[in-house]
Amino acid sequence: MAITRAKKEEVIKEGVEAVKASKALVFADFSGTSVSDMRALRKELIEVDSKMTVIKKSLLDLILKEAGVKLDPARFEGQVGTFFVGDELSAPTGLIYRFSKNHEDFKLLGGYDIERDMAINEDAIVVIGQLPTREVLLAQVVGSIAAPIRGLLYVLSQKAEMTN
């Protein structure tokens, strides 16, 4: 069923606002993925300040052009779902990547870093999706910094016990 011109204009306006509020975009082919699975993914995305929308490629092209994004969505095959990433790219991309691993019909297609004004290929999206979250990485750095101090304290406590 065709949508009216007014509805298309509304979709374009909302899409441009969503792009301008996002730091990055991720694209995926969701053909064959069940509605209930997509609903569950959307709920998880809300928790990481992101959302997923299905927009026809022709309208998505108009949205991206109006928002100043230099990416042609026609290069993607299949039904394209657009993920608007509001904050850090790794958390939502991790969710999307894990979802794609559990749903063979769901395929990552690529992305676009709005802040850096550059396209991101599918392989880079997969690598970003495999990274631990920012909090986990920070905890690993803190653990690496604290490890030598812990070792020194252990040696000193053992030395203190030997002298007593």
C-alpha atoms as a PDB file:
ATOM      1  CA  MET A   1       0.000   0.000   0.000  1.00  0.00           C
ATOM      2  CA  ALA A   2       1.390   3.380  -1.005  1.00  0.00           C
ATOM      3  CA  ILE A   3       1.725   6.061   1.622  1.00  0.00           C
ATOM      4  CA  THR A   4       0.521   9.602   1.094  1.00  0.00           C
ATOM      5  CA  ARG A   5       2.798  12.508   0.274  1.00  0.00           C
ATOM      6  CA  ALA A   6       2.045  14.076   3.658  1.00  0.00           C
ATOM      7  CA  LYS A   7       3.067  10.865   5.427  1.00  0.00           C
ATOM      8  CA  LYS A   8       6.278  10.711   3.357  1.00  0.00           C
ATOM      9  CA  GLU A   9       7.102  14.316   4.297  1.00  0.00           C
ATOM     10  CA  GLU A  10       6.511  13.460   7.959  1.00  0.00           C
ATOM     11  CA  VAL A  11       8.783  10.394   7.694  1.00  0.00           C
ATOM     12  CA  ILE A  12      11.493  12.522   6.072  1.00  0.00           C
ATOM     13  CA  LYS A  13      11.197  15.235   8.734  1.00  0.00           C
ATOM     14  CA  GLU A  14      11.365  12.704  11.595  1.00  0.00           C
ATOM     15  CA  GLY A  15      14.227  10.888   9.881  1.00  0.00           C
ATOM     16  CA  VAL A  16      16.303  14.048   9.459  1.00  0.00           C
ATOM     17  CA  GLU A  17      15.757  14.902  13.136  1.00  0.00           C
ATOM     18  CA  ALA A  18      16.809  11.375  14.138  1.00  0.00           C
ATOM     19  CA  VAL A  19      19.971  11.564  11.996  1.00  0.00           C
ATOM     20  CA  LYS A  20      20.901  14.954  13.430  1.00  0.00           C
ATOM     21  CA  ALA A  21      20.392  13.629  16.986  1.00  0.00           C
ATOM     22  CA  SER A  22      22.573  10.570  16.272  1.00  0.00           C
ATOM     23  CA  LYS A  23      26.326  10.132  16.368  1.00  0.00           C
ATOM     24  CA  ALA A  24      26.301   7.157  14.003  1.00  0.00           C
ATOM     25  CA  LEU A  25      24.059   4.996  11.847  1.00  0.00           C
ATOM     26  CA  VAL A  26      24.144   1.222  11.409  1.00  0.00           C
ATOM     27  CA  PHE A  27      22.329  -0.584   8.608  1.00  0.00           C
ATOM     28  CA  ALA A  28      21.129  -4.197   8.586  1.00  0.00           C
ATOM     29  CA  ASP A  29      19.069  -6.485   6.374  1.00  0.00           C
ATOM     30  CA  PHE A  30      16.332  -7.906   8.585  1.00  0.00           C
ATOM     31  CA  SER A  31      14.588 -10.039   5.924  1.00  0.00           C
ATOM     32  CA  GLY A  32      13.254 -13.227   7.461  1.00  0.00           C
ATOM     33  CA  THR A  33      13.590 -12.019  11.054  1.00  0.00           C
ATOM     34  CA  SER A  34      10.415 -12.416  13.087  1.00  0.00           C
ATOM     35  CA  VAL A  35       8.494  -9.419  14.357  1.00  0.00           C
ATOM     36  CA  SER A  36       8.766 -10.597  17.967  1.00  0.00           C
ATOM     37  CA  ASP A  37      12.569 -10.886  17.668  1.00  0.00           C
ATOM     38  CA  MET A  38      12.779  -7.387  16.176  1.00  0.00           C
ATOM     39  CA  ARG A  39      10.572  -6.053  18.969  1.00  0.00           C
ATOM     40  CA  ALA A  40      12.908  -7.572  21.567  1.00  0.00           C
ATOM     41  CA  LEU A  41      15.942  -6.017  19.838  1.00  0.00           C
ATOM     42  CA  ARG A  42      14.243  -2.612  19.776  1.00  0.00           C
ATOM     43  CA  LYS A  43      13.599  -2.821  23.532  1.00  0.00           C
ATOM     44  CA  GLU A  44      17.263  -3.596  24.180  1.00  0.00           C
ATOM     45  CA  LEU A  45      18.364  -0.710  21.948  1.00  0.00           C
ATOM     46  CA  ILE A  46      16.351   1.802  23.954  1.00  0.00           C
ATOM     47  CA  GLU A  47      18.507   0.959  26.994  1.00  0.00           C
ATOM     48  CA  VAL A  48      21.665   2.031  25.091  1.00  0.00           C
ATOM     49  CA  ASP A  49      20.196   5.296  23.727  1.00  0.00           C
ATOM     50  CA  SER A  50      19.535   3.921  20.229  1.00  0.00           C
ATOM     51  CA  LYS A  51      16.572   3.029  18.076  1.00  0.00           C
ATOM     52  CA  MET A  52      15.794   1.053  14.945  1.00  0.00           C
ATOM     53  CA  THR A  53      13.504   2.193  12.166  1.00  0.00           C
ATOM     54  CA  VAL A  54      12.491   0.715   8.846  1.00  0.00           C
ATOM     55  CA  ILE A  55      12.458   3.339   6.103  1.00  0.00           C
ATOM     56  CA  LYS A  56      12.122   2.720   2.379  1.00  0.00           C
ATOM     57  CA  LYS A  57      15.476   3.180   0.648  1.00  0.00           C
ATOM     58  CA  SER A  58      14.174   6.013  -1.550  1.00  0.00           C
ATOM     59  CA  LEU A  59      12.983   7.956   1.511  1.00  0.00           C
ATOM     60  CA  LEU A  60      16.150   7.059   3.421  1.00  0.00           C
ATOM     61  CA  ASP A  61      18.182   8.502   0.548  1.00  0.00           C
ATOM     62  CA  LEU A  62      16.253  11.786   0.796  1.00  0.00           C
ATOM     63  CA  ILE A  63      16.685  11.832   4.586  1.00  0.00           C
ATOM     64  CA  LEU A  64      20.430  11.249   4.378  1.00  0.00           C
ATOM     65  CA  LYS A  65      20.892  13.902   1.682  1.00  0.00           C
ATOM     66  CA  GLU A  66      18.898  16.458   3.653  1.00  0.00           C
ATOM     67  CA  ALA A  67      20.905  15.661   6.805  1.00  0.00           C
ATOM     68  CA  GLY A  68      24.203  16.013   4.917  1.00  0.00           C
ATOM     69  CA  VAL A  69      25.180  12.333   5.082  1.00  0.00           C
ATOM     70  CA  LYS A  70      27.118  11.206   2.022  1.00  0.00           C
ATOM     71  CA  LEU A  71      25.875   7.632   1.758  1.00  0.00           C
ATOM     72  CA  ASP A  72      23.710   5.954  -0.866  1.00  0.00           C
ATOM     73  CA  PRO A  73      21.391   3.393   0.769  1.00  0.00           C
ATOM     74  CA  ALA A  74      20.652   1.867  -2.656  1.00  0.00           C
ATOM     75  CA  ARG A  75      23.974   0.025  -2.376  1.00  0.00           C
ATOM     76  CA  PHE A  76      22.458  -2.181   0.314  1.00  0.00           C
ATOM     77  CA  GLU A  77      20.483  -5.225  -0.790  1.00  0.00           C
ATOM     78  CA  GLY A  78      17.313  -6.450   0.854  1.00  0.00           C
ATOM     79  CA  GLN A  79      15.150  -4.722   3.411  1.00  0.00           C
ATOM     80  CA  VAL A  80      17.192  -2.131   5.246  1.00  0.00           C
ATOM     81  CA  GLY A  81      16.716  -1.401   8.910  1.00  0.00           C
ATOM     82  CA  THR A  82      18.367   1.816  10.093  1.00  0.00           C
ATOM     83  CA  PHE A  83      19.784   1.970  13.607  1.00  0.00           C
ATOM     84  CA  PHE A  84      20.186   5.479  14.995  1.00  0.00           C
ATOM     85  CA  VAL A  85      22.999   5.410  17.560  1.00  0.00           C
ATOM     86  CA  GLY A  86      22.609   8.205  20.082  1.00  0.00           C
ATOM     87  CA  ASP A  87      25.811   7.858  22.063  1.00  0.00           C
ATOM     88  CA  GLU A  88      28.755   5.488  21.957  1.00  0.00           C
ATOM     89  CA  LEU A  89      28.866   3.191  18.903  1.00  0.00           C
ATOM     90  CA  SER A  90      30.162   0.052  20.626  1.00  0.00           C
ATOM     91  CA  ALA A  91      27.222  -0.694  22.956  1.00  0.00           C
ATOM     92  CA  PRO A  92      24.404  -0.728  20.378  1.00  0.00           C
ATOM     93  CA  THR A  93      26.664  -2.284  17.747  1.00  0.00           C
ATOM     94  CA  GLY A  94      27.479  -5.042  20.224  1.00  0.00           C
ATOM     95  CA  LEU A  95      23.768  -5.707  20.737  1.00  0.00           C
ATOM     96  CA  ILE A  96      23.140  -5.722  16.988  1.00  0.00           C
ATOM     97  CA  TYR A  97      26.143  -7.994  16.361  1.00  0.00           C
ATOM     98  CA  ARG A  98      25.064 -10.518  19.021  1.00  0.00           C
ATOM     99  CA  PHE A  99      21.540 -10.427  17.587  1.00  0.00           C
ATOM    100  CA  SER A 100      22.935 -11.177  14.113  1.00  0.00           C
ATOM    101  CA  LYS A 101      24.895 -14.152  15.511  1.00  0.00           C
ATOM    102  CA  ASN A 102      21.678 -15.628  16.945  1.00  0.00           C
ATOM    103  CA  HIS A 103      19.537 -14.889  13.862  1.00  0.00           C
ATOM    104  CA  GLU A 104      21.076 -16.137  10.623  1.00  0.00           C
ATOM    105  CA  ASP A 105      18.632 -14.169   8.425  1.00  0.00           C
ATOM    106  CA  PHE A 106      19.707 -10.869  10.020  1.00  0.00           C
ATOM    107  CA  LYS A 107      22.770  -9.391   8.278  1.00  0.00           C
ATOM    108  CA  LEU A 108      24.869  -6.344   9.120  1.00  0.00           C
ATOM    109  CA  LEU A 109      25.346  -4.171   6.031  1.00  0.00           C
ATOM    110  CA  GLY A 110      27.515  -1.297   7.245  1.00  0.00           C
ATOM    111  CA  GLY A 111      27.261   2.032   8.944  1.00  0.00           C
ATOM    112  CA  TYR A 112      28.103   5.705   8.921  1.00  0.00           C
ATOM    113  CA  ASP A 113      29.978   7.716  11.539  1.00  0.00           C
ATOM    114  CA  ILE A 114      28.224  11.088  11.499  1.00  0.00           C
ATOM    115  CA  GLU A 115      30.776  12.815  13.741  1.00  0.00           C
ATOM    116  CA  ARG A 116      33.699  11.826  11.489  1.00  0.00           C
ATOM    117  CA  ASP A 117      31.629  12.062   8.279  1.00  0.00           C
ATOM    118  CA  MET A 118      32.741   8.663   7.001  1.00  0.00           C
ATOM    119  CA  ALA A 119      31.198   5.375   5.927  1.00  0.00           C
ATOM    120  CA  ILE A 120      31.923   2.241   7.936  1.00  0.00           C
ATOM    121  CA  ASN A 121      32.033  -1.075   6.090  1.00  0.00           C
ATOM    122  CA  GLU A 122      30.397  -4.270   7.304  1.00  0.00           C
ATOM    123  CA  ASP A 123      33.665  -5.787   8.555  1.00  0.00           C
ATOM    124  CA  ALA A 124      34.407  -2.751  10.734  1.00  0.00           C
ATOM    125  CA  ILE A 125      30.884  -2.887  12.189  1.00  0.00           C
ATOM    126  CA  VAL A 126      31.449  -6.558  13.077  1.00  0.00           C
ATOM    127  CA  VAL A 127      34.796  -5.738  14.740  1.00  0.00           C
ATOM    128  CA  ILE A 128      33.215  -2.891  16.723  1.00  0.00           C
ATOM    129  CA  GLY A 129      30.357  -5.208  17.694  1.00  0.00           C
ATOM    130  CA  GLN A 130      32.816  -7.785  19.038  1.00  0.00           C
ATOM    131  CA  LEU A 131      34.510  -5.249  21.323  1.00  0.00           C
ATOM    132  CA  PRO A 132      33.603  -5.227  24.995  1.00  0.00           C
ATOM    133  CA  THR A 133      31.563  -2.283  26.226  1.00  0.00           C
ATOM    134  CA  ARG A 134      33.262   0.929  27.313  1.00  0.00           C
ATOM    135  CA  GLU A 135      32.739   0.088  30.986  1.00  0.00           C
ATOM    136  CA  VAL A 136      34.395  -3.325  30.585  1.00  0.00           C
ATOM    137  CA  LEU A 137      37.353  -1.788  28.736  1.00  0.00           C
ATOM    138  CA  LEU A 138      37.787   0.839  31.469  1.00  0.00           C
ATOM    139  CA  ALA A 139      37.660  -1.868  34.132  1.00  0.00           C
ATOM    140  CA  GLN A 140      40.346  -3.807  32.266  1.00  0.00           C
ATOM    141  CA  VAL A 141      42.571  -0.708  32.098  1.00  0.00           C
ATOM    142  CA  VAL A 142      42.096  -0.016  35.808  1.00  0.00           C
ATOM    143  CA  GLY A 143      42.844  -3.670  36.577  1.00  0.00           C
ATOM    144  CA  SER A 144      46.032  -3.501  34.513  1.00  0.00           C
ATOM    145  CA  ILE A 145      47.141  -0.368  36.342  1.00  0.00           C
ATOM    146  CA  ALA A 146      46.287  -1.797  39.757  1.00  0.00           C
ATOM    147  CA  ALA A 147      47.930  -5.221  39.200  1.00  0.00           C
ATOM    148  CA  PRO A 148      51.545  -4.119  39.872  1.00  0.00           C
ATOM    149  CA  ILE A 149      50.465  -2.212  42.972  1.00  0.00           C
ATOM    150  CA  ARG A 150      48.616  -5.302  44.240  1.00  0.00           C
ATOM    151  CA  GLY A 151      51.725  -7.396  43.585  1.00  0.00           C
ATOM    152  CA  LEU A 152      53.919  -4.948  45.509  1.00  0.00           C
ATOM    153  CA  LEU A 153      51.483  -4.924  48.443  1.00  0.00           C
ATOM    154  CA  TYR A 154      51.479  -8.741  48.486  1.00  0.00           C
ATOM    155  CA  VAL A 155      55.292  -8.864  48.541  1.00  0.00           C
ATOM    156  CA  LEU A 156      55.422  -6.255  51.326  1.00  0.00           C
ATOM    157  CA  SER A 157      52.818  -8.092  53.413  1.00  0.00           C
ATOM    158  CA  GLN A 158      54.735 -11.379  53.016  1.00  0.00           C
ATOM    159  CA  LYS A 159      57.979  -9.617  53.954  1.00  0.00           C
ATOM    160  CA  ALA A 160      56.273  -8.122  57.031  1.00  0.00           C
ATOM    161  CA  GLU A 161      55.035 -11.566  58.120  1.00  0.00           C
ATOM    162  CA  MET A 162      58.536 -13.033  57.748  1.00  0.00           C
ATOM    163  CA  THR A 163      60.052 -10.376  60.014  1.00  0.00           C
ATOM    164  CA  ASN A 164      57.476 -10.977  62.779  1.00  0.00           C
END
